[in-house]
Amino acid sequence: MKLKVCGMKFPQNISEIESLRPDFMGFIFYNKSKRFFDQTDLVLNDKINRVGVFVNEEIEEIKEKIIKFKLDFVQLHGNENVDFCKSLKPFVKIIKVFKINNTFNFNTTKNFEEVSDYFLFDTKSNLHGGSGIKFDWNILKNYTSKKPFFLSGGINLEDIIEINKIKKIHPLIGVDINSKFEFKNLKKDVDKIKLFKNKLSL
């Protein structure tokens, strides 16, 4: 099971989380987010996948960030369509986000299967992620595709057992953690993430 730690912001904290060797680390390039990554450089172990999170951004701006920060993936968290994803595909791997509520129709994901490396299912909210709210995971029974996905939205330490149950039934590639693993100053809690990572790998 892959671990993605998203919403990284501060250089020292990035270094601390890097020492835990998560599989992915996410950096938010959406200036309306309180976790907006406004650093001019990104020093990170090459073995950790660098994910840039974008919301309805211009393609050229995304390409600039891919080059500047050596991004391995872009996570598209807005209303980006299939053609938009297709335009980026030659330059970077793609995680397409779908915002889930109780009426979500998983048929809307099918057209994105060829232009995405992974999907990410997050709770529908106005915040474009980082809401700390969990959607009803029972709705995943309606997902019949074999396209691997990340699970996101309000994930906490107490969710390990349920996550492992989902893994046995669905093509769950990993989990994306954020707000439930940080302090009020937006710095990630190293000890809590280490504990979660260890439990996740059991």
N, C-alpha and C. Protein backbone atom coordinates (compact mmCIF):
# COMPACT_ATOMS: atom_id res chain seq x y z
N MET A 1 0.85 -1.19 0.00
CA MET A 1 0.00 0.00 0.00
C MET A 1 0.89 1.25 0.00
N LYS A 2 0.64 2.14 -0.95
CA LYS A 2 1.43 3.36 -1.07
C LYS A 2 0.92 4.43 -0.10
N LEU A 3 1.84 5.25 0.37
CA LEU A 3 1.48 6.36 1.24
C LEU A 3 1.83 7.68 0.55
N LYS A 4 0.82 8.55 0.47
CA LYS A 4 1.02 9.89 -0.09
C LYS A 4 0.70 10.91 1.00
N VAL A 5 1.67 11.76 1.30
CA VAL A 5 1.48 12.83 2.27
C VAL A 5 1.34 14.13 1.49
N CYS A 6 0.18 14.74 1.58
CA CYS A 6 -0.10 15.92 0.77
C CYS A 6 -0.15 17.19 1.62
N GLY A 7 -0.04 18.33 0.94
CA GLY A 7 -0.11 19.62 1.63
C GLY A 7 1.17 20.02 2.31
N MET A 8 2.31 19.52 1.79
CA MET A 8 3.60 19.90 2.37
C MET A 8 3.91 21.35 2.02
N LYS A 9 4.47 22.07 3.00
CA LYS A 9 4.62 23.52 2.81
C LYS A 9 5.97 24.08 3.26
N PHE A 10 6.47 23.59 4.40
CA PHE A 10 7.65 24.20 5.01
C PHE A 10 8.90 23.34 4.82
N PRO A 11 10.03 23.95 4.41
CA PRO A 11 11.24 23.18 4.10
C PRO A 11 11.70 22.24 5.21
N GLN A 12 11.72 22.70 6.45
CA GLN A 12 12.17 21.84 7.55
C GLN A 12 11.22 20.67 7.75
N ASN A 13 9.93 20.93 7.67
CA ASN A 13 8.92 19.89 7.82
C ASN A 13 8.99 18.89 6.66
N ILE A 14 9.26 19.41 5.48
CA ILE A 14 9.42 18.54 4.30
C ILE A 14 10.57 17.56 4.54
N SER A 15 11.66 18.08 5.07
CA SER A 15 12.82 17.24 5.38
C SER A 15 12.49 16.18 6.43
N GLU A 16 11.70 16.56 7.43
CA GLU A 16 11.32 15.63 8.49
C GLU A 16 10.45 14.49 7.94
N ILE A 17 9.48 14.84 7.12
CA ILE A 17 8.60 13.83 6.54
C ILE A 17 9.36 12.98 5.52
N GLU A 18 10.27 13.60 4.82
CA GLU A 18 11.10 12.87 3.85
C GLU A 18 11.83 11.72 4.51
N SER A 19 12.27 11.92 5.75
CA SER A 19 13.02 10.88 6.47
C SER A 19 12.18 9.63 6.73
N LEU A 20 10.85 9.77 6.64
CA LEU A 20 9.95 8.62 6.84
C LEU A 20 9.80 7.81 5.55
N ARG A 21 10.28 8.36 4.45
CA ARG A 21 10.23 7.71 3.15
C ARG A 21 8.80 7.35 2.70
N PRO A 22 7.90 8.33 2.67
CA PRO A 22 6.61 8.05 2.04
C PRO A 22 6.84 7.83 0.55
N ASP A 23 5.88 7.23 -0.11
CA ASP A 23 6.04 6.95 -1.54
C ASP A 23 5.81 8.19 -2.39
N PHE A 24 4.92 9.07 -1.92
CA PHE A 24 4.58 10.29 -2.63
C PHE A 24 4.50 11.44 -1.63
N MET A 25 4.91 12.63 -2.09
CA MET A 25 4.69 13.84 -1.30
C MET A 25 4.05 14.89 -2.21
N GLY A 26 2.97 15.50 -1.70
CA GLY A 26 2.20 16.42 -2.52
C GLY A 26 2.42 17.88 -2.14
N PHE A 27 2.50 18.73 -3.17
CA PHE A 27 2.74 20.15 -3.00
C PHE A 27 1.65 20.91 -3.77
N ILE A 28 0.93 21.76 -3.07
CA ILE A 28 -0.26 22.39 -3.62
C ILE A 28 0.08 23.72 -4.30
N PHE A 29 -0.15 23.78 -5.61
CA PHE A 29 0.10 25.00 -6.38
C PHE A 29 -1.22 25.67 -6.73
N TYR A 30 -2.04 25.82 -5.72
CA TYR A 30 -3.34 26.49 -5.85
C TYR A 30 -3.35 27.61 -4.83
N ASN A 31 -3.25 28.85 -5.31
CA ASN A 31 -2.97 29.97 -4.40
C ASN A 31 -4.11 30.33 -3.45
N LYS A 32 -5.28 29.71 -3.62
CA LYS A 32 -6.36 29.94 -2.67
C LYS A 32 -6.32 28.96 -1.49
N SER A 33 -5.41 28.00 -1.57
CA SER A 33 -5.27 27.03 -0.49
C SER A 33 -4.36 27.57 0.61
N LYS A 34 -4.71 27.30 1.86
CA LYS A 34 -3.84 27.72 2.96
C LYS A 34 -2.55 26.90 3.00
N ARG A 35 -2.52 25.81 2.24
CA ARG A 35 -1.31 24.99 2.15
C ARG A 35 -0.55 25.26 0.85
N PHE A 36 -0.81 26.40 0.25
CA PHE A 36 -0.15 26.80 -1.00
C PHE A 36 1.36 26.72 -0.86
N PHE A 37 2.00 26.03 -1.79
CA PHE A 37 3.46 25.87 -1.75
C PHE A 37 4.09 27.05 -2.49
N ASP A 38 4.69 27.96 -1.72
CA ASP A 38 5.23 29.19 -2.31
C ASP A 38 6.75 29.26 -2.23
N GLN A 39 7.40 28.11 -2.01
CA GLN A 39 8.85 28.09 -1.97
C GLN A 39 9.41 28.19 -3.39
N THR A 40 10.65 28.62 -3.50
CA THR A 40 11.28 28.76 -4.81
C THR A 40 12.09 27.53 -5.21
N ASP A 41 12.25 26.60 -4.26
CA ASP A 41 13.04 25.40 -4.54
C ASP A 41 12.43 24.24 -3.79
N LEU A 42 12.76 23.04 -4.24
CA LEU A 42 12.25 21.84 -3.58
C LEU A 42 13.37 20.81 -3.53
N VAL A 43 13.91 20.61 -2.33
CA VAL A 43 14.97 19.63 -2.13
C VAL A 43 14.32 18.36 -1.57
N LEU A 44 14.42 17.28 -2.34
CA LEU A 44 13.71 16.06 -1.95
C LEU A 44 14.40 14.84 -2.55
N ASN A 45 14.43 13.77 -1.78
CA ASN A 45 15.00 12.50 -2.24
C ASN A 45 14.34 12.08 -3.55
N ASP A 46 15.16 11.70 -4.52
CA ASP A 46 14.63 11.33 -5.83
C ASP A 46 13.77 10.07 -5.81
N LYS A 47 13.88 9.29 -4.74
CA LYS A 47 13.10 8.05 -4.65
C LYS A 47 11.65 8.32 -4.22
N ILE A 48 11.38 9.55 -3.78
CA ILE A 48 10.03 9.94 -3.39
C ILE A 48 9.37 10.67 -4.55
N ASN A 49 8.19 10.21 -4.96
CA ASN A 49 7.49 10.84 -6.06
C ASN A 49 7.01 12.24 -5.68
N ARG A 50 7.34 13.21 -6.50
CA ARG A 50 6.91 14.59 -6.29
C ARG A 50 5.61 14.83 -7.03
N VAL A 51 4.59 15.24 -6.29
CA VAL A 51 3.27 15.45 -6.88
C VAL A 51 2.88 16.92 -6.76
N GLY A 52 2.61 17.55 -7.88
CA GLY A 52 2.11 18.92 -7.87
C GLY A 52 0.60 18.93 -7.99
N VAL A 53 -0.07 19.61 -7.07
CA VAL A 53 -1.53 19.65 -7.05
C VAL A 53 -2.01 20.95 -7.69
N PHE A 54 -2.88 20.83 -8.69
CA PHE A 54 -3.36 21.99 -9.43
C PHE A 54 -4.88 21.99 -9.50
N VAL A 55 -5.45 23.19 -9.55
CA VAL A 55 -6.90 23.33 -9.65
C VAL A 55 -7.22 24.29 -10.80
N ASN A 56 -7.69 23.75 -11.92
CA ASN A 56 -8.09 24.56 -13.07
C ASN A 56 -7.00 25.54 -13.50
N GLU A 57 -5.77 25.06 -13.52
CA GLU A 57 -4.63 25.90 -13.89
C GLU A 57 -4.38 25.82 -15.39
N GLU A 58 -3.73 26.84 -15.93
CA GLU A 58 -3.34 26.84 -17.34
C GLU A 58 -2.26 25.79 -17.59
N ILE A 59 -2.34 25.15 -18.75
CA ILE A 59 -1.39 24.07 -19.06
C ILE A 59 0.06 24.57 -19.04
N GLU A 60 0.31 25.74 -19.59
CA GLU A 60 1.68 26.25 -19.64
C GLU A 60 2.24 26.49 -18.25
N GLU A 61 1.39 26.95 -17.34
CA GLU A 61 1.82 27.17 -15.96
C GLU A 61 2.16 25.84 -15.30
N ILE A 62 1.38 24.82 -15.56
CA ILE A 62 1.66 23.50 -15.01
C ILE A 62 2.98 22.96 -15.56
N LYS A 63 3.20 23.14 -16.85
CA LYS A 63 4.45 22.68 -17.47
C LYS A 63 5.66 23.36 -16.84
N GLU A 64 5.53 24.65 -16.55
CA GLU A 64 6.63 25.39 -15.91
C GLU A 64 6.95 24.79 -14.54
N LYS A 65 5.91 24.46 -13.79
CA LYS A 65 6.10 23.89 -12.45
C LYS A 65 6.70 22.47 -12.55
N ILE A 66 6.31 21.72 -13.57
CA ILE A 66 6.86 20.38 -13.77
C ILE A 66 8.37 20.46 -13.93
N ILE A 67 8.81 21.42 -14.73
CA ILE A 67 10.25 21.57 -14.99
C ILE A 67 10.97 22.15 -13.77
N LYS A 68 10.42 23.20 -13.21
CA LYS A 68 11.09 23.89 -12.10
C LYS A 68 11.27 23.00 -10.88
N PHE A 69 10.23 22.21 -10.54
CA PHE A 69 10.27 21.41 -9.32
C PHE A 69 10.46 19.92 -9.58
N LYS A 70 10.75 19.58 -10.84
CA LYS A 70 11.00 18.19 -11.23
C LYS A 70 9.88 17.26 -10.77
N LEU A 71 8.65 17.65 -11.09
CA LEU A 71 7.49 16.90 -10.66
C LEU A 71 7.39 15.57 -11.41
N ASP A 72 7.08 14.51 -10.67
CA ASP A 72 6.85 13.20 -11.27
C ASP A 72 5.39 13.02 -11.67
N PHE A 73 4.50 13.63 -10.90
CA PHE A 73 3.06 13.54 -11.13
C PHE A 73 2.44 14.92 -11.01
N VAL A 74 1.33 15.12 -11.72
CA VAL A 74 0.45 16.24 -11.41
C VAL A 74 -0.89 15.66 -10.96
N GLN A 75 -1.45 16.26 -9.94
CA GLN A 75 -2.75 15.86 -9.41
C GLN A 75 -3.75 16.94 -9.79
N LEU A 76 -4.68 16.60 -10.65
CA LEU A 76 -5.62 17.57 -11.19
C LEU A 76 -6.89 17.54 -10.36
N HIS A 77 -7.11 18.63 -9.62
CA HIS A 77 -8.14 18.67 -8.59
C HIS A 77 -9.33 19.54 -8.96
N GLY A 78 -9.36 19.96 -10.22
CA GLY A 78 -10.45 20.85 -10.64
C GLY A 78 -11.38 20.20 -11.63
N ASN A 79 -11.80 20.99 -12.63
CA ASN A 79 -12.75 20.51 -13.63
C ASN A 79 -12.06 20.15 -14.95
N GLU A 80 -10.80 19.75 -14.87
CA GLU A 80 -10.03 19.43 -16.06
C GLU A 80 -10.68 18.28 -16.84
N ASN A 81 -10.81 18.46 -18.17
CA ASN A 81 -11.45 17.43 -18.97
C ASN A 81 -10.43 16.45 -19.56
N VAL A 82 -10.93 15.51 -20.34
CA VAL A 82 -10.07 14.47 -20.90
C VAL A 82 -9.00 15.06 -21.81
N ASP A 83 -9.36 16.02 -22.64
CA ASP A 83 -8.39 16.64 -23.56
C ASP A 83 -7.29 17.36 -22.80
N PHE A 84 -7.64 17.98 -21.70
CA PHE A 84 -6.64 18.66 -20.87
C PHE A 84 -5.62 17.63 -20.36
N CYS A 85 -6.12 16.52 -19.85
CA CYS A 85 -5.23 15.47 -19.35
C CYS A 85 -4.35 14.91 -20.47
N LYS A 86 -4.97 14.74 -21.63
CA LYS A 86 -4.25 14.19 -22.78
C LYS A 86 -3.11 15.11 -23.20
N SER A 87 -3.31 16.42 -23.07
CA SER A 87 -2.29 17.40 -23.45
C SER A 87 -1.08 17.34 -22.51
N LEU A 88 -1.34 17.00 -21.25
CA LEU A 88 -0.25 16.94 -20.27
C LEU A 88 0.47 15.60 -20.25
N LYS A 89 -0.20 14.56 -20.72
CA LYS A 89 0.30 13.19 -20.58
C LYS A 89 1.72 12.99 -21.10
N PRO A 90 2.14 13.65 -22.21
CA PRO A 90 3.51 13.43 -22.69
C PRO A 90 4.58 13.97 -21.75
N PHE A 91 4.20 14.82 -20.81
CA PHE A 91 5.18 15.51 -19.98
C PHE A 91 5.28 14.97 -18.55
N VAL A 92 4.24 14.29 -18.08
CA VAL A 92 4.18 13.94 -16.67
C VAL A 92 3.13 12.86 -16.45
N LYS A 93 3.22 12.15 -15.35
CA LYS A 93 2.17 11.19 -14.99
C LYS A 93 1.03 11.94 -14.31
N ILE A 94 -0.16 11.38 -14.42
CA ILE A 94 -1.36 12.12 -14.00
C ILE A 94 -2.18 11.36 -12.98
N ILE A 95 -2.56 12.07 -11.92
CA ILE A 95 -3.54 11.60 -10.94
C ILE A 95 -4.76 12.49 -11.10
N LYS A 96 -5.85 11.91 -11.56
CA LYS A 96 -7.09 12.70 -11.72
C LYS A 96 -7.98 12.51 -10.50
N VAL A 97 -8.39 13.63 -9.94
CA VAL A 97 -9.20 13.62 -8.72
C VAL A 97 -10.69 13.66 -9.06
N PHE A 98 -11.45 12.85 -8.34
CA PHE A 98 -12.91 12.89 -8.43
C PHE A 98 -13.46 13.15 -7.04
N LYS A 99 -14.39 14.10 -6.97
CA LYS A 99 -14.94 14.53 -5.68
C LYS A 99 -16.22 13.76 -5.41
N ILE A 100 -16.20 12.99 -4.35
CA ILE A 100 -17.24 12.00 -4.10
C ILE A 100 -18.25 12.47 -3.06
N ASN A 101 -19.52 12.28 -3.40
CA ASN A 101 -20.60 12.40 -2.42
C ASN A 101 -21.53 11.20 -2.61
N ASN A 102 -22.63 11.18 -1.92
CA ASN A 102 -23.50 9.99 -1.95
C ASN A 102 -24.21 9.77 -3.27
N THR A 103 -24.18 10.76 -4.14
CA THR A 103 -24.86 10.61 -5.43
C THR A 103 -23.86 10.51 -6.60
N PHE A 104 -22.59 10.35 -6.29
CA PHE A 104 -21.57 10.33 -7.34
C PHE A 104 -21.77 9.14 -8.27
N ASN A 105 -21.63 9.38 -9.57
CA ASN A 105 -21.76 8.34 -10.58
C ASN A 105 -20.36 7.98 -11.09
N PHE A 106 -19.91 6.79 -10.79
CA PHE A 106 -18.55 6.37 -11.16
C PHE A 106 -18.38 6.19 -12.66
N ASN A 107 -19.46 6.21 -13.42
CA ASN A 107 -19.33 6.15 -14.88
C ASN A 107 -18.59 7.36 -15.41
N THR A 108 -18.59 8.45 -14.65
CA THR A 108 -17.89 9.67 -15.09
C THR A 108 -16.38 9.49 -15.10
N THR A 109 -15.89 8.44 -14.47
CA THR A 109 -14.43 8.21 -14.44
C THR A 109 -13.95 7.47 -15.68
N LYS A 110 -14.83 6.80 -16.40
CA LYS A 110 -14.41 5.89 -17.47
C LYS A 110 -13.62 6.57 -18.57
N ASN A 111 -14.05 7.76 -18.98
CA ASN A 111 -13.36 8.45 -20.07
C ASN A 111 -11.95 8.89 -19.71
N PHE A 112 -11.65 8.91 -18.41
CA PHE A 112 -10.33 9.36 -17.96
C PHE A 112 -9.34 8.21 -17.76
N GLU A 113 -9.80 6.99 -17.97
CA GLU A 113 -8.94 5.84 -17.68
C GLU A 113 -7.68 5.82 -18.55
N GLU A 114 -7.81 6.20 -19.81
CA GLU A 114 -6.67 6.15 -20.73
C GLU A 114 -5.70 7.31 -20.55
N VAL A 115 -6.16 8.38 -19.93
CA VAL A 115 -5.30 9.57 -19.82
C VAL A 115 -4.81 9.81 -18.39
N SER A 116 -5.10 8.87 -17.50
CA SER A 116 -4.67 8.99 -16.09
C SER A 116 -3.87 7.76 -15.69
N ASP A 117 -2.89 7.98 -14.84
CA ASP A 117 -2.14 6.85 -14.29
C ASP A 117 -2.86 6.30 -13.06
N TYR A 118 -3.40 7.22 -12.27
CA TYR A 118 -4.19 6.83 -11.10
C TYR A 118 -5.37 7.79 -10.97
N PHE A 119 -6.40 7.33 -10.29
CA PHE A 119 -7.46 8.21 -9.82
C PHE A 119 -7.24 8.50 -8.35
N LEU A 120 -7.86 9.56 -7.86
CA LEU A 120 -7.89 9.85 -6.43
C LEU A 120 -9.31 10.23 -6.08
N PHE A 121 -9.88 9.54 -5.12
CA PHE A 121 -11.24 9.81 -4.68
C PHE A 121 -11.21 10.57 -3.37
N ASP A 122 -11.73 11.80 -3.42
CA ASP A 122 -11.72 12.70 -2.28
C ASP A 122 -13.15 13.14 -1.98
N THR A 123 -13.35 13.65 -0.79
CA THR A 123 -14.68 14.13 -0.40
C THR A 123 -15.02 15.42 -1.12
N LYS A 124 -16.22 15.49 -1.66
CA LYS A 124 -16.65 16.70 -2.35
C LYS A 124 -16.81 17.84 -1.34
N SER A 125 -16.14 18.96 -1.62
CA SER A 125 -16.24 20.14 -0.76
C SER A 125 -15.81 21.34 -1.59
N ASN A 126 -15.97 22.52 -1.04
CA ASN A 126 -15.55 23.74 -1.74
C ASN A 126 -14.08 24.04 -1.60
N LEU A 127 -13.37 23.21 -0.83
CA LEU A 127 -11.97 23.49 -0.52
C LEU A 127 -10.99 22.86 -1.51
N HIS A 128 -11.48 22.03 -2.42
CA HIS A 128 -10.61 21.31 -3.35
C HIS A 128 -9.56 20.50 -2.58
N GLY A 129 -10.00 19.77 -1.56
CA GLY A 129 -9.09 18.93 -0.78
C GLY A 129 -8.76 19.55 0.57
N GLY A 130 -8.26 18.71 1.47
CA GLY A 130 -7.85 19.20 2.78
C GLY A 130 -9.00 19.59 3.68
N SER A 131 -10.19 19.05 3.41
CA SER A 131 -11.36 19.43 4.21
C SER A 131 -11.41 18.71 5.55
N GLY A 132 -10.72 17.57 5.62
CA GLY A 132 -10.76 16.76 6.85
C GLY A 132 -12.05 15.97 6.99
N ILE A 133 -12.85 15.93 5.93
CA ILE A 133 -14.15 15.25 5.96
C ILE A 133 -14.07 13.97 5.14
N LYS A 134 -14.63 12.92 5.67
CA LYS A 134 -14.61 11.61 5.02
C LYS A 134 -15.94 11.38 4.27
N PHE A 135 -15.85 10.88 3.04
CA PHE A 135 -17.08 10.49 2.35
C PHE A 135 -17.44 9.06 2.76
N ASP A 136 -18.64 8.64 2.44
CA ASP A 136 -19.10 7.30 2.80
C ASP A 136 -18.42 6.27 1.90
N TRP A 137 -17.46 5.54 2.47
CA TRP A 137 -16.68 4.61 1.66
C TRP A 137 -17.51 3.46 1.11
N ASN A 138 -18.71 3.27 1.61
CA ASN A 138 -19.59 2.21 1.08
C ASN A 138 -19.93 2.44 -0.39
N ILE A 139 -19.84 3.70 -0.83
CA ILE A 139 -20.17 4.00 -2.22
C ILE A 139 -19.15 3.41 -3.18
N LEU A 140 -18.00 3.03 -2.69
CA LEU A 140 -16.97 2.42 -3.54
C LEU A 140 -17.42 1.10 -4.15
N LYS A 141 -18.48 0.52 -3.60
CA LYS A 141 -19.01 -0.72 -4.17
C LYS A 141 -19.49 -0.50 -5.60
N ASN A 142 -19.75 0.75 -5.96
CA ASN A 142 -20.20 1.09 -7.31
C ASN A 142 -19.05 1.27 -8.28
N TYR A 143 -17.82 1.20 -7.78
CA TYR A 143 -16.65 1.38 -8.64
C TYR A 143 -16.21 0.00 -9.14
N THR A 144 -16.36 -0.24 -10.42
CA THR A 144 -16.07 -1.56 -10.98
C THR A 144 -14.85 -1.57 -11.90
N SER A 145 -14.23 -0.44 -12.08
CA SER A 145 -13.05 -0.34 -12.94
C SER A 145 -11.83 -0.98 -12.27
N LYS A 146 -10.85 -1.34 -13.08
CA LYS A 146 -9.59 -1.87 -12.56
C LYS A 146 -8.51 -0.78 -12.44
N LYS A 147 -8.89 0.44 -12.78
CA LYS A 147 -7.93 1.55 -12.67
C LYS A 147 -7.59 1.78 -11.20
N PRO A 148 -6.31 1.71 -10.81
CA PRO A 148 -5.94 1.90 -9.40
C PRO A 148 -6.25 3.32 -8.92
N PHE A 149 -6.60 3.42 -7.64
CA PHE A 149 -6.95 4.73 -7.11
C PHE A 149 -6.36 4.94 -5.71
N PHE A 150 -6.19 6.21 -5.38
CA PHE A 150 -5.84 6.63 -4.02
C PHE A 150 -7.13 6.97 -3.29
N LEU A 151 -7.16 6.66 -2.01
CA LEU A 151 -8.29 7.04 -1.16
C LEU A 151 -7.88 8.25 -0.35
N SER A 152 -8.75 9.26 -0.32
CA SER A 152 -8.44 10.50 0.37
C SER A 152 -9.68 11.03 1.07
N GLY A 153 -9.49 12.03 1.90
CA GLY A 153 -10.60 12.69 2.57
C GLY A 153 -10.76 12.31 4.02
N GLY A 154 -10.17 13.09 4.91
CA GLY A 154 -10.36 12.90 6.35
C GLY A 154 -9.81 11.61 6.92
N ILE A 155 -8.84 11.01 6.24
CA ILE A 155 -8.27 9.75 6.73
C ILE A 155 -7.47 9.98 8.00
N ASN A 156 -7.65 9.08 8.98
CA ASN A 156 -7.00 9.19 10.27
C ASN A 156 -6.46 7.83 10.69
N LEU A 157 -5.75 7.80 11.80
CA LEU A 157 -5.16 6.55 12.30
C LEU A 157 -6.19 5.45 12.50
N GLU A 158 -7.39 5.83 12.92
CA GLU A 158 -8.42 4.86 13.24
C GLU A 158 -8.99 4.16 12.01
N ASP A 159 -8.57 4.58 10.81
CA ASP A 159 -9.16 4.04 9.58
C ASP A 159 -8.39 2.86 9.00
N ILE A 160 -7.31 2.45 9.62
CA ILE A 160 -6.45 1.41 9.06
C ILE A 160 -7.20 0.12 8.75
N ILE A 161 -7.99 -0.35 9.68
CA ILE A 161 -8.69 -1.63 9.50
C ILE A 161 -9.64 -1.56 8.30
N GLU A 162 -10.39 -0.47 8.21
CA GLU A 162 -11.33 -0.31 7.10
C GLU A 162 -10.60 -0.16 5.77
N ILE A 163 -9.48 0.53 5.78
CA ILE A 163 -8.68 0.70 4.56
C ILE A 163 -8.19 -0.66 4.06
N ASN A 164 -7.75 -1.50 4.96
CA ASN A 164 -7.28 -2.83 4.58
C ASN A 164 -8.42 -3.67 4.02
N LYS A 165 -9.63 -3.48 4.51
CA LYS A 165 -10.80 -4.19 3.97
C LYS A 165 -11.07 -3.75 2.54
N ILE A 166 -10.97 -2.44 2.30
CA ILE A 166 -11.20 -1.90 0.97
C ILE A 166 -10.16 -2.44 -0.01
N LYS A 167 -8.93 -2.55 0.46
CA LYS A 167 -7.83 -3.04 -0.37
C LYS A 167 -8.09 -4.46 -0.87
N LYS A 168 -8.77 -5.26 -0.10
CA LYS A 168 -9.04 -6.65 -0.48
C LYS A 168 -10.09 -6.75 -1.59
N ILE A 169 -10.87 -5.70 -1.76
CA ILE A 169 -11.99 -5.74 -2.70
C ILE A 169 -11.74 -4.89 -3.94
N HIS A 170 -11.05 -3.77 -3.77
CA HIS A 170 -10.89 -2.79 -4.84
C HIS A 170 -9.42 -2.58 -5.20
N PRO A 171 -9.16 -1.99 -6.39
CA PRO A 171 -7.78 -1.71 -6.80
C PRO A 171 -7.22 -0.46 -6.10
N LEU A 172 -7.19 -0.52 -4.78
CA LEU A 172 -6.69 0.60 -3.97
C LEU A 172 -5.17 0.58 -3.97
N ILE A 173 -4.55 1.57 -4.59
CA ILE A 173 -3.10 1.62 -4.70
C ILE A 173 -2.46 2.27 -3.48
N GLY A 174 -3.20 3.17 -2.83
CA GLY A 174 -2.62 3.85 -1.68
C GLY A 174 -3.58 4.83 -1.03
N VAL A 175 -3.11 5.46 0.02
CA VAL A 175 -3.91 6.45 0.73
C VAL A 175 -3.21 7.81 0.72
N ASP A 176 -4.02 8.83 0.70
CA ASP A 176 -3.55 10.21 0.66
C ASP A 176 -3.95 10.88 1.97
N ILE A 177 -2.97 11.28 2.76
CA ILE A 177 -3.28 11.90 4.05
C ILE A 177 -2.85 13.36 4.05
N ASN A 178 -3.57 14.15 4.86
CA ASN A 178 -3.29 15.58 4.89
C ASN A 178 -3.68 16.18 6.23
N SER A 179 -4.88 16.75 6.30
CA SER A 179 -5.25 17.61 7.44
C SER A 179 -5.31 16.90 8.79
N LYS A 180 -5.63 15.61 8.80
CA LYS A 180 -5.73 14.88 10.07
C LYS A 180 -4.36 14.51 10.64
N PHE A 181 -3.32 14.85 9.92
CA PHE A 181 -1.96 14.53 10.36
C PHE A 181 -1.09 15.78 10.47
N GLU A 182 -1.72 16.89 10.82
CA GLU A 182 -0.94 18.11 10.96
C GLU A 182 -1.40 18.90 12.18
N PHE A 183 -0.51 19.79 12.62
CA PHE A 183 -0.82 20.67 13.74
C PHE A 183 -1.57 21.90 13.21
N LYS A 184 -2.01 22.76 14.11
CA LYS A 184 -2.77 23.95 13.70
C LYS A 184 -1.94 24.90 12.84
N ASN A 185 -0.61 24.80 12.97
CA ASN A 185 0.25 25.67 12.16
C ASN A 185 0.53 25.09 10.77
N LEU A 186 -0.20 24.02 10.41
CA LEU A 186 -0.13 23.35 9.11
C LEU A 186 1.11 22.47 8.92
N LYS A 187 1.93 22.37 9.95
CA LYS A 187 3.08 21.46 9.86
C LYS A 187 2.61 20.04 10.13
N LYS A 188 3.14 19.10 9.37
CA LYS A 188 2.74 17.71 9.52
C LYS A 188 3.35 17.11 10.80
N ASP A 189 2.57 16.23 11.42
CA ASP A 189 2.96 15.55 12.66
C ASP A 189 3.78 14.32 12.31
N VAL A 190 5.09 14.41 12.47
CA VAL A 190 6.01 13.34 12.07
C VAL A 190 5.71 12.05 12.81
N ASP A 191 5.51 12.12 14.11
CA ASP A 191 5.28 10.91 14.91
C ASP A 191 3.99 10.21 14.51
N LYS A 192 2.96 10.97 14.27
CA LYS A 192 1.67 10.40 13.90
C LYS A 192 1.74 9.74 12.52
N ILE A 193 2.43 10.39 11.61
CA ILE A 193 2.57 9.83 10.26
C ILE A 193 3.43 8.58 10.29
N LYS A 194 4.47 8.57 11.10
CA LYS A 194 5.31 7.38 11.24
C LYS A 194 4.50 6.20 11.76
N LEU A 195 3.65 6.45 12.74
CA LEU A 195 2.80 5.40 13.30
C LEU A 195 1.83 4.88 12.23
N PHE A 196 1.23 5.81 11.50
CA PHE A 196 0.28 5.43 10.46
C PHE A 196 0.97 4.60 9.39
N LYS A 197 2.14 5.02 8.98
CA LYS A 197 2.90 4.31 7.94
C LYS A 197 3.23 2.89 8.38
N ASN A 198 3.62 2.74 9.63
CA ASN A 198 3.97 1.42 10.14
C ASN A 198 2.74 0.51 10.19
N LYS A 199 1.61 1.06 10.61
CA LYS A 199 0.38 0.27 10.67
C LYS A 199 -0.12 -0.08 9.27
N LEU A 200 0.09 0.82 8.35
CA LEU A 200 -0.36 0.61 6.98
C LEU A 200 0.38 -0.53 6.31
N SER A 201 1.60 -0.74 6.71
CA SER A 201 2.43 -1.77 6.06
C SER A 201 2.30 -3.14 6.71
N LEU A 202 1.52 -3.25 7.79
CA LEU A 202 1.36 -4.52 8.47
C LEU A 202 0.48 -5.48 7.67
